[in-house]
Amino acid sequence: MGDEDELPSAGADRVIERGDSYDHERYGRVEVTGIWKGIDGVDTTREADEKDVYIVRYAAEEDGERVDELTDTLEEFLDAIE
């Protein structure tokens, strides 16, 4: 870690991989379809103080229909699958 002030997140020991499936607390079984790091230009953000935010895109089924292009920050995704 770069700075002594930087602490690992609660999910720092978890690895999320594109193509893998996880049990999401809201959507059930989801498949990770993409992961991005360090998005510079976005329209809105929930955590403006983070420079290198990881974004996880995943697909799920809700009410029997496939829901595509769901996204969360890595922290939100980890919280939802724990």
Protein backbone atom coordinates (compact mmCIF):
# COMPACT_ATOMS: atom_id res chain seq x y z
CA MET A 1 0.00 0.00 0.00
CA GLY A 2 1.25 3.44 -0.85
CA ASP A 3 0.37 5.61 2.13
CA GLU A 4 0.47 4.56 5.76
CA ASP A 5 -3.00 6.14 6.09
CA GLU A 6 -4.44 3.77 3.47
CA LEU A 7 -6.15 0.85 5.10
CA PRO A 8 -7.39 -2.19 3.21
CA SER A 9 -11.12 -2.38 2.71
CA ALA A 10 -13.22 -5.01 4.44
CA GLY A 11 -13.10 -7.13 1.26
CA ALA A 12 -9.39 -6.64 0.57
CA ASP A 13 -8.74 -10.37 0.69
CA ARG A 14 -11.53 -11.19 -1.79
CA VAL A 15 -10.90 -11.58 -5.51
CA ILE A 16 -13.65 -10.77 -7.99
CA GLU A 17 -13.13 -12.06 -11.52
CA ARG A 18 -14.90 -11.32 -14.79
CA GLY A 19 -16.92 -14.33 -15.89
CA ASP A 20 -17.35 -15.72 -12.37
CA SER A 21 -20.72 -15.97 -10.61
CA TYR A 22 -21.55 -14.79 -7.10
CA ASP A 23 -24.58 -14.85 -4.79
CA HIS A 24 -25.88 -11.28 -4.58
CA GLU A 25 -28.17 -10.40 -1.65
CA ARG A 26 -30.70 -8.60 -3.88
CA TYR A 27 -30.45 -10.34 -7.27
CA GLY A 28 -29.47 -13.89 -6.35
CA ARG A 29 -26.88 -15.50 -8.60
CA VAL A 30 -25.10 -12.88 -10.74
CA GLU A 31 -22.30 -13.07 -13.30
CA VAL A 32 -19.58 -10.41 -13.42
CA THR A 33 -19.37 -9.13 -17.00
CA GLY A 34 -16.83 -6.32 -16.56
CA ILE A 35 -14.50 -4.59 -14.11
CA TRP A 36 -13.01 -1.10 -14.51
CA LYS A 37 -10.45 0.88 -12.53
CA GLY A 38 -9.71 4.57 -12.38
CA ILE A 39 -12.62 6.07 -14.26
CA ASP A 40 -11.79 9.75 -14.74
CA GLY A 41 -14.90 11.13 -16.40
CA VAL A 42 -18.32 10.15 -15.09
CA ASP A 43 -21.63 12.00 -14.85
CA THR A 44 -22.17 11.22 -11.17
CA THR A 45 -20.36 9.41 -8.39
CA ARG A 46 -21.26 8.23 -4.92
CA GLU A 47 -17.76 8.46 -3.46
CA ALA A 48 -16.19 11.62 -4.84
CA ASP A 49 -13.09 11.44 -2.62
CA GLU A 50 -11.81 8.21 -4.21
CA LYS A 51 -9.49 8.55 -7.21
CA ASP A 52 -9.15 4.92 -8.32
CA VAL A 53 -12.63 3.52 -7.90
CA TYR A 54 -13.25 0.02 -9.13
CA ILE A 55 -16.57 -0.46 -10.93
CA VAL A 56 -18.14 -3.91 -11.27
CA ARG A 57 -20.74 -4.62 -13.97
CA TYR A 58 -22.85 -7.72 -13.59
CA ALA A 59 -25.88 -9.47 -15.06
CA ALA A 60 -28.72 -11.09 -13.11
CA GLU A 61 -32.25 -12.35 -13.42
CA GLU A 62 -35.06 -10.52 -11.64
CA ASP A 63 -38.61 -11.89 -11.67
CA GLY A 64 -37.52 -14.46 -14.27
CA GLU A 65 -36.18 -11.82 -16.69
CA ARG A 66 -32.53 -11.13 -17.37
CA VAL A 67 -31.36 -7.72 -16.10
CA ASP A 68 -28.19 -6.52 -17.82
CA GLU A 69 -25.75 -3.71 -17.12
CA LEU A 70 -26.15 -3.50 -13.35
CA THR A 71 -23.18 -1.69 -11.82
CA ASP A 72 -21.78 -1.09 -8.35
CA THR A 73 -18.53 0.12 -6.91
CA LEU A 74 -16.35 -2.77 -5.83
CA GLU A 75 -17.11 -1.98 -2.17
CA GLU A 76 -20.86 -2.07 -2.79
CA PHE A 77 -20.56 -5.30 -4.73
CA LEU A 78 -18.47 -6.96 -2.01
CA ASP A 79 -20.97 -5.87 0.64
CA ALA A 80 -23.83 -7.36 -1.40
CA ILE A 81 -22.19 -10.78 -1.88
CA GLU A 82 -20.94 -11.33 1.66
